[in-house]
C-alpha atoms as a PDB file:
ATOM      1  CA  MET A   1       0.885 -71.105   4.488  1.00  0.00           C
ATOM      2  CA  ILE A   2       0.409 -73.301   1.600  1.00  0.00           C
ATOM      3  CA  ARG A   3      -1.595 -76.652   2.394  1.00  0.00           C
ATOM      4  CA  VAL A   4      -2.126 -79.705   0.129  1.00  0.00           C
ATOM      5  CA  VAL A   5      -5.503 -80.360  -0.216  1.00  0.00           C
ATOM      6  CA  ALA A   6      -7.426 -83.421  -2.264  1.00  0.00           C
ATOM      7  CA  PRO A   7     -10.645 -83.984  -3.177  1.00  0.00           C
ATOM      8  CA  VAL A   8     -11.719 -86.811  -0.879  1.00  0.00           C
ATOM      9  CA  ALA A   9     -15.172 -87.809   0.645  1.00  0.00           C
ATOM     10  CA  HIS A  10     -14.541 -89.241   3.574  1.00  0.00           C
ATOM     11  CA  CYS A  11     -11.081 -88.049   4.809  1.00  0.00           C
ATOM     12  CA  HIS A  12     -10.899 -89.537   8.273  1.00  0.00           C
ATOM     13  CA  ILE A  13     -11.034 -92.989   6.519  1.00  0.00           C
ATOM     14  CA  LEU A  14      -8.179 -92.299   3.909  1.00  0.00           C
ATOM     15  CA  LEU A  15      -6.045 -91.268   6.983  1.00  0.00           C
ATOM     16  CA  TYR A  16      -6.517 -94.320   8.931  1.00  0.00           C
ATOM     17  CA  ILE A  17      -6.078 -96.638   5.402  1.00  0.00           C
ATOM     18  CA  THR A  18      -2.625 -94.832   5.038  1.00  0.00           C
ATOM     19  CA  GLY A  19      -1.899 -95.235   8.176  1.00  0.00           C
ATOM     20  CA  ALA A  20      -2.432 -99.010   8.071  1.00  0.00           C
ATOM     21  CA  PHE A  21      -0.441 -99.223   5.148  1.00  0.00           C
ATOM     22  CA  VAL A  22       2.494 -97.058   6.652  1.00  0.00           C
ATOM     23  CA  ALA A  23       2.537 -99.440  10.233  1.00  0.00           C
ATOM     24  CA  LEU A  24       2.430-102.588   7.410  1.00  0.00           C
ATOM     25  CA  ALA A  25       5.483-101.534   5.428  1.00  0.00           C
ATOM     26  CA  ILE A  26       7.537-100.441   8.375  1.00  0.00           C
ATOM     27  CA  SER A  27       6.639-103.907  10.347  1.00  0.00           C
ATOM     28  CA  SER A  28       7.304-105.590   6.880  1.00  0.00           C
ATOM     29  CA  THR A  29      10.756-103.932   6.175  1.00  0.00           C
ATOM     30  CA  SER A  30      11.685-104.768  10.039  1.00  0.00           C
ATOM     31  CA  LEU A  31      10.733-108.287   9.609  1.00  0.00           C
ATOM     32  CA  LEU A  32      12.727-108.991   6.679  1.00  0.00           C
ATOM     33  CA  PHE A  33      15.887-107.391   8.647  1.00  0.00           C
ATOM     34  CA  PHE A  34      15.156-109.411  11.111  1.00  0.00           C
ATOM     35  CA  TYR A  35      15.396-112.675   8.906  1.00  0.00           C
ATOM     36  CA  ARG A  36      18.739-111.269   7.428  1.00  0.00           C
ATOM     37  CA  VAL A  37      20.043-110.989  10.589  1.00  0.00           C
ATOM     38  CA  ARG A  38      19.176-114.347  11.569  1.00  0.00           C
ATOM     39  CA  ALA A  39      20.459-116.060   8.611  1.00  0.00           C
ATOM     40  CA  VAL A  40      24.018-114.009   9.105  1.00  0.00           C
ATOM     41  CA  TYR A  41      24.117-115.074  12.691  1.00  0.00           C
ATOM     42  CA  SER A  42      23.219-118.705  12.197  1.00  0.00           C
ATOM     43  CA  ASN A  43      20.049-118.427  14.549  1.00  0.00           C
ATOM     44  CA  SER A  44      21.983-117.326  17.426  1.00  0.00           C
ATOM     45  CA  CYS A  45      19.508-117.195  20.548  1.00  0.00           C
ATOM     46  CA  ILE A  46      21.112-114.239  22.033  1.00  0.00           C
ATOM     47  CA  ILE A  47      20.946-112.435  18.721  1.00  0.00           C
ATOM     48  CA  THR A  48      17.728-113.824  17.824  1.00  0.00           C
ATOM     49  CA  SER A  49      15.664-112.707  20.748  1.00  0.00           C
ATOM     50  CA  PHE A  50      17.653-109.049  20.705  1.00  0.00           C
ATOM     51  CA  PHE A  51      16.527-108.164  17.149  1.00  0.00           C
ATOM     52  CA  GLY A  52      13.092-110.146  17.811  1.00  0.00           C
ATOM     53  CA  PHE A  53      12.679-107.573  20.524  1.00  0.00           C
ATOM     54  CA  LEU A  54      13.513-105.047  18.457  1.00  0.00           C
ATOM     55  CA  TRP A  55      11.103-105.958  15.644  1.00  0.00           C
ATOM     56  CA  VAL A  56       8.280-106.094  18.123  1.00  0.00           C
ATOM     57  CA  ALA A  57       9.090-102.645  19.479  1.00  0.00           C
ATOM     58  CA  THR A  58       9.446-101.178  15.972  1.00  0.00           C
ATOM     59  CA  SER A  59       6.212-102.614  14.834  1.00  0.00           C
ATOM     60  CA  GLY A  60       4.266-101.650  17.991  1.00  0.00           C
ATOM     61  CA  LEU A  61       5.619 -98.167  17.635  1.00  0.00           C
ATOM     62  CA  SER A  62       4.542 -97.976  14.017  1.00  0.00           C
ATOM     63  CA  ILE A  63       1.217 -99.062  14.922  1.00  0.00           C
ATOM     64  CA  LEU A  64       0.946 -96.505  18.057  1.00  0.00           C
ATOM     65  CA  ASN A  65       2.095 -94.048  15.146  1.00  0.00           C
ATOM     66  CA  SER A  66      -0.809 -94.984  12.615  1.00  0.00           C
ATOM     67  CA  PHE A  67      -3.237 -94.188  15.518  1.00  0.00           C
ATOM     68  CA  SER A  68      -1.806 -90.244  16.353  1.00  0.00           C
ATOM     69  CA  ILE A  69      -2.482 -89.174  12.544  1.00  0.00           C
ATOM     70  CA  TYR A  70      -5.121 -86.467  12.348  1.00  0.00           C
ATOM     71  CA  GLY A  71      -6.412 -84.431   9.515  1.00  0.00           C
ATOM     72  CA  GLY A  72      -9.376 -81.632   9.786  1.00  0.00           C
ATOM     73  CA  VAL A  73     -11.592 -80.007   7.188  1.00  0.00           C
ATOM     74  CA  SER A  74     -10.253 -77.075   4.883  1.00  0.00           C
ATOM     75  CA  PRO A  75     -12.052 -74.102   5.954  1.00  0.00           C
ATOM     76  CA  PHE A  76     -12.015 -73.045   2.340  1.00  0.00           C
ATOM     77  CA  ALA A  77     -13.520 -76.009   0.843  1.00  0.00           C
ATOM     78  CA  PRO A  78     -15.229 -78.656   3.295  1.00  0.00           C
ATOM     79  CA  ASP A  79     -14.857 -81.310   0.506  1.00  0.00           C
ATOM     80  CA  LEU A  80     -11.391 -81.544   0.289  1.00  0.00           C
ATOM     81  CA  CYS A  81      -9.123 -83.464   2.748  1.00  0.00           C
ATOM     82  CA  PRO A  82      -5.576 -81.522   4.013  1.00  0.00           C
ATOM     83  CA  LYS A  83      -2.784 -83.090   4.406  1.00  0.00           C
ATOM     84  CA  CYS A  84      -2.704 -85.007   7.565  1.00  0.00           C
ATOM     85  CA  SER A  85      -0.532 -84.184  10.185  1.00  0.00           C
ATOM     86  CA  TYR A  86       0.670 -86.104  13.090  1.00  0.00           C
ATOM     87  CA  LEU A  87       0.800 -85.197  16.692  1.00  0.00           C
ATOM     88  CA  ARG A  88       3.974 -83.668  18.452  1.00  0.00           C
ATOM     89  CA  PHE A  89       4.888 -86.747  20.760  1.00  0.00           C
ATOM     90  CA  SER A  90       4.343 -89.493  17.974  1.00  0.00           C
ATOM     91  CA  ARG A  91       6.736 -87.480  15.582  1.00  0.00           C
ATOM     92  CA  ARG A  92       9.630 -87.661  18.397  1.00  0.00           C
ATOM     93  CA  ILE A  93       8.828 -91.823  18.314  1.00  0.00           C
ATOM     94  CA  TYR A  94       9.051 -91.659  14.941  1.00  0.00           C
ATOM     95  CA  LEU A  95      12.566 -89.675  14.513  1.00  0.00           C
ATOM     96  CA  ALA A  96      13.764 -91.797  17.094  1.00  0.00           C
ATOM     97  CA  HIS A  97      12.553 -95.517  15.670  1.00  0.00           C
ATOM     98  CA  GLY A  98      11.628 -94.626  12.308  1.00  0.00           C
ATOM     99  CA  THR A  99      15.070 -95.010  10.362  1.00  0.00           C
ATOM    100  CA  ASP A 100      15.198 -98.421  10.254  1.00  0.00           C
ATOM    101  CA  THR A 101      16.103 -98.056   6.502  1.00  0.00           C
END
């Protein structure tokens, strides 16, 4: 098995920062889509509340997904950070809700 590694001193901090930026990117993209839907449907109350709920759910799940990132220490070189992995449950959440683009 081939693993991707990088010379990083604090692997867990890098993973938390990466997860935060992924959550920010997903939430920002979904918010732009929400603004577009509101403009197309002329601020309809039903459409705005429905897509607003979907935006909150997407943002919440992306933040929840960023907390499930974990990484370990490479057994061959402890100063290298291996490619991060996601928990099995969060992978299913991402596949169900992470396809907004």
